[in-house]
C-alpha atoms as a PDB file:
ATOM      1  CA  MET A   1       0.248  -0.029   0.164  1.00  0.00           C
ATOM      2  CA  VAL A   2       1.016   3.567  -0.953  1.00  0.00           C
ATOM      3  CA  LYS A   3       0.314   6.609   1.571  1.00  0.00           C
ATOM      4  CA  HIS A   4      -0.231  10.454  -0.219  1.00  0.00           C
ATOM      5  CA  VAL A   5      -0.402  13.017   1.960  1.00  0.00           C
ATOM      6  CA  VAL A   6      -0.837  16.482   0.652  1.00  0.00           C
ATOM      7  CA  PHE A   7      -1.084  19.720   2.628  1.00  0.00           C
ATOM      8  CA  PHE A   8      -2.173  22.787   0.983  1.00  0.00           C
ATOM      9  CA  LYS A   9      -1.969  26.673   1.916  1.00  0.00           C
ATOM     10  CA  MET A  10      -5.243  28.171   0.491  1.00  0.00           C
ATOM     11  CA  LYS A  11      -4.592  31.788  -1.367  1.00  0.00           C
ATOM     12  CA  GLU A  12      -7.196  34.257   0.631  1.00  0.00           C
ATOM     13  CA  THR A  13      -8.710  34.798  -2.373  1.00  0.00           C
ATOM     14  CA  ALA A  14      -8.829  33.508  -5.775  1.00  0.00           C
ATOM     15  CA  LEU A  15     -11.297  32.557  -8.836  1.00  0.00           C
ATOM     16  CA  ASN A  16     -13.357  35.387  -7.238  1.00  0.00           C
ATOM     17  CA  ALA A  17     -14.068  33.305  -4.226  1.00  0.00           C
ATOM     18  CA  SER A  18     -12.936  33.527  -0.597  1.00  0.00           C
ATOM     19  CA  LYS A  19     -10.135  30.818   0.860  1.00  0.00           C
ATOM     20  CA  GLU A  20     -13.320  28.852   2.544  1.00  0.00           C
ATOM     21  CA  LYS A  21     -15.365  28.426  -0.607  1.00  0.00           C
ATOM     22  CA  ASN A  22     -12.313  27.344  -2.092  1.00  0.00           C
ATOM     23  CA  ILE A  23     -11.770  24.958  -0.035  1.00  0.00           C
ATOM     24  CA  LYS A  24     -15.380  23.665   0.454  1.00  0.00           C
ATOM     25  CA  ALA A  25     -14.764  23.474  -3.779  1.00  0.00           C
ATOM     26  CA  LEU A  26     -11.408  21.507  -3.301  1.00  0.00           C
ATOM     27  CA  ASP A  27     -12.658  19.126  -0.802  1.00  0.00           C
ATOM     28  CA  LYS A  28     -16.255  18.035  -3.258  1.00  0.00           C
ATOM     29  CA  LYS A  29     -13.630  17.620  -6.006  1.00  0.00           C
ATOM     30  CA  PHE A  30     -11.019  15.373  -4.279  1.00  0.00           C
ATOM     31  CA  HIS A  31     -13.955  13.188  -2.987  1.00  0.00           C
ATOM     32  CA  SER A  32     -15.481  13.070  -6.883  1.00  0.00           C
ATOM     33  CA  LEU A  33     -11.801  10.924  -6.836  1.00  0.00           C
ATOM     34  CA  GLU A  34     -12.220   8.454  -4.396  1.00  0.00           C
ATOM     35  CA  ASN A  35     -13.941   5.856  -6.920  1.00  0.00           C
ATOM     36  CA  LEU A  36     -11.074   6.074  -9.377  1.00  0.00           C
ATOM     37  CA  PRO A  37      -9.055   2.636 -10.076  1.00  0.00           C
ATOM     38  CA  GLY A  38      -6.582   1.593  -7.044  1.00  0.00           C
ATOM     39  CA  VAL A  39      -7.857   3.832  -4.726  1.00  0.00           C
ATOM     40  CA  LEU A  40      -8.309   2.524  -1.207  1.00  0.00           C
ATOM     41  CA  LYS A  41      -9.406   5.578   1.298  1.00  0.00           C
ATOM     42  CA  MET A  42      -9.710   8.618   1.225  1.00  0.00           C
ATOM     43  CA  GLU A  43      -9.629  11.861   3.716  1.00  0.00           C
ATOM     44  CA  THR A  44     -10.108  15.135   3.218  1.00  0.00           C
ATOM     45  CA  GLY A  45      -9.939  17.722   6.602  1.00  0.00           C
ATOM     46  CA  LEU A  46      -9.363  21.574   7.340  1.00  0.00           C
ATOM     47  CA  SER A  47      -6.835  22.721  10.089  1.00  0.00           C
ATOM     48  CA  ILE A  48      -8.250  23.442  12.940  1.00  0.00           C
ATOM     49  CA  ASP A  49      -5.579  25.877  13.828  1.00  0.00           C
ATOM     50  CA  ASN A  50      -4.805  27.068  10.075  1.00  0.00           C
ATOM     51  CA  GLU A  51      -1.249  28.809  11.279  1.00  0.00           C
ATOM     52  CA  GLN A  52       0.694  26.623   8.423  1.00  0.00           C
ATOM     53  CA  TYR A  53      -1.519  24.671   6.649  1.00  0.00           C
ATOM     54  CA  ASP A  54      -5.262  24.899   5.439  1.00  0.00           C
ATOM     55  CA  PHE A  55      -6.612  21.789   3.976  1.00  0.00           C
ATOM     56  CA  CYS A  56      -5.224  18.361   4.214  1.00  0.00           C
ATOM     57  CA  LEU A  57      -5.932  15.270   1.154  1.00  0.00           C
ATOM     58  CA  ASN A  58      -4.685  11.876   2.720  1.00  0.00           C
ATOM     59  CA  MET A  59      -5.189   8.648   0.609  1.00  0.00           C
ATOM     60  CA  ASP A  60      -4.360   4.907   0.088  1.00  0.00           C
ATOM     61  CA  PHE A  61      -3.575   3.376  -3.060  1.00  0.00           C
ATOM     62  CA  GLU A  62      -3.049  -0.267  -3.527  1.00  0.00           C
ATOM     63  CA  ASP A  63       0.379   0.298  -4.736  1.00  0.00           C
ATOM     64  CA  GLU A  64       3.108   2.844  -6.502  1.00  0.00           C
ATOM     65  CA  LYS A  65       1.115   1.562  -9.706  1.00  0.00           C
ATOM     66  CA  ALA A  66      -2.019   2.891  -8.643  1.00  0.00           C
ATOM     67  CA  LEU A  67      -0.527   6.041  -7.059  1.00  0.00           C
ATOM     68  CA  GLU A  68       1.179   6.839 -10.848  1.00  0.00           C
ATOM     69  CA  ALA A  69      -1.824   6.112 -12.554  1.00  0.00           C
ATOM     70  CA  TYR A  70      -4.173   8.305 -10.597  1.00  0.00           C
ATOM     71  CA  LEU A  71      -1.771  11.377 -10.798  1.00  0.00           C
ATOM     72  CA  VAL A  72      -1.912  11.070 -14.905  1.00  0.00           C
ATOM     73  CA  HIS A  73      -5.981  10.123 -14.583  1.00  0.00           C
ATOM     74  CA  PRO A  74      -7.709  12.829 -16.877  1.00  0.00           C
ATOM     75  CA  ASP A  75     -10.338  13.927 -13.696  1.00  0.00           C
ATOM     76  CA  HIS A  76      -7.487  13.909 -11.519  1.00  0.00           C
ATOM     77  CA  LEU A  77      -5.699  16.209 -14.109  1.00  0.00           C
ATOM     78  CA  LEU A  78      -8.894  18.680 -13.961  1.00  0.00           C
ATOM     79  CA  VAL A  79      -8.740  18.917 -10.158  1.00  0.00           C
ATOM     80  CA  LYS A  80      -5.340  19.742 -10.144  1.00  0.00           C
ATOM     81  CA  ALA A  81      -6.088  22.370 -12.507  1.00  0.00           C
ATOM     82  CA  PHE A  82      -8.375  23.659 -10.471  1.00  0.00           C
ATOM     83  CA  VAL A  83      -5.778  22.964  -7.324  1.00  0.00           C
ATOM     84  CA  PHE A  84      -3.244  25.628  -8.755  1.00  0.00           C
ATOM     85  CA  ASN A  85      -5.229  28.924  -9.328  1.00  0.00           C
ATOM     86  CA  VAL A  86      -6.407  28.348  -5.134  1.00  0.00           C
ATOM     87  CA  ILE A  87      -3.335  27.412  -3.580  1.00  0.00           C
ATOM     88  CA  ASP A  88      -0.187  29.555  -2.542  1.00  0.00           C
ATOM     89  CA  HIS A  89       1.768  26.399  -1.827  1.00  0.00           C
ATOM     90  CA  ARG A  90       1.414  22.484  -0.950  1.00  0.00           C
ATOM     91  CA  VAL A  91       3.971  19.936   0.930  1.00  0.00           C
ATOM     92  CA  LEU A  92       3.472  16.118  -0.364  1.00  0.00           C
ATOM     93  CA  VAL A  93       5.008  12.979   0.544  1.00  0.00           C
ATOM     94  CA  ASP A  94       3.686   9.267  -0.697  1.00  0.00           C
ATOM     95  CA  TYR A  95       5.151   6.422   1.145  1.00  0.00           C
ATOM     96  CA  ALA A  96       5.103   2.889   1.396  1.00  0.00           C
ATOM     97  CA  VAL A  97       3.569   1.091   4.276  1.00  0.00           C
END
């Protein structure tokens, strides 16, 4: 199994929407991907302190090949395009379990 963990720092405003609205949209968009092949589990969460990062994505994949397929899947690429319009930066870690 491979874990894919991403922390996002959101822009205060982007695409004519507030940070809060963009987080809700981002959450919905990520959950639209949870049934893609190879995805075992998905969790998203809003930071309770907002000091470092605002939003977290935590996913489990069957294996590295499943993660690689997810990263180039057309549905993921659409979400990724939205992500890079609404975030300031991100940090991610992929690791085998």
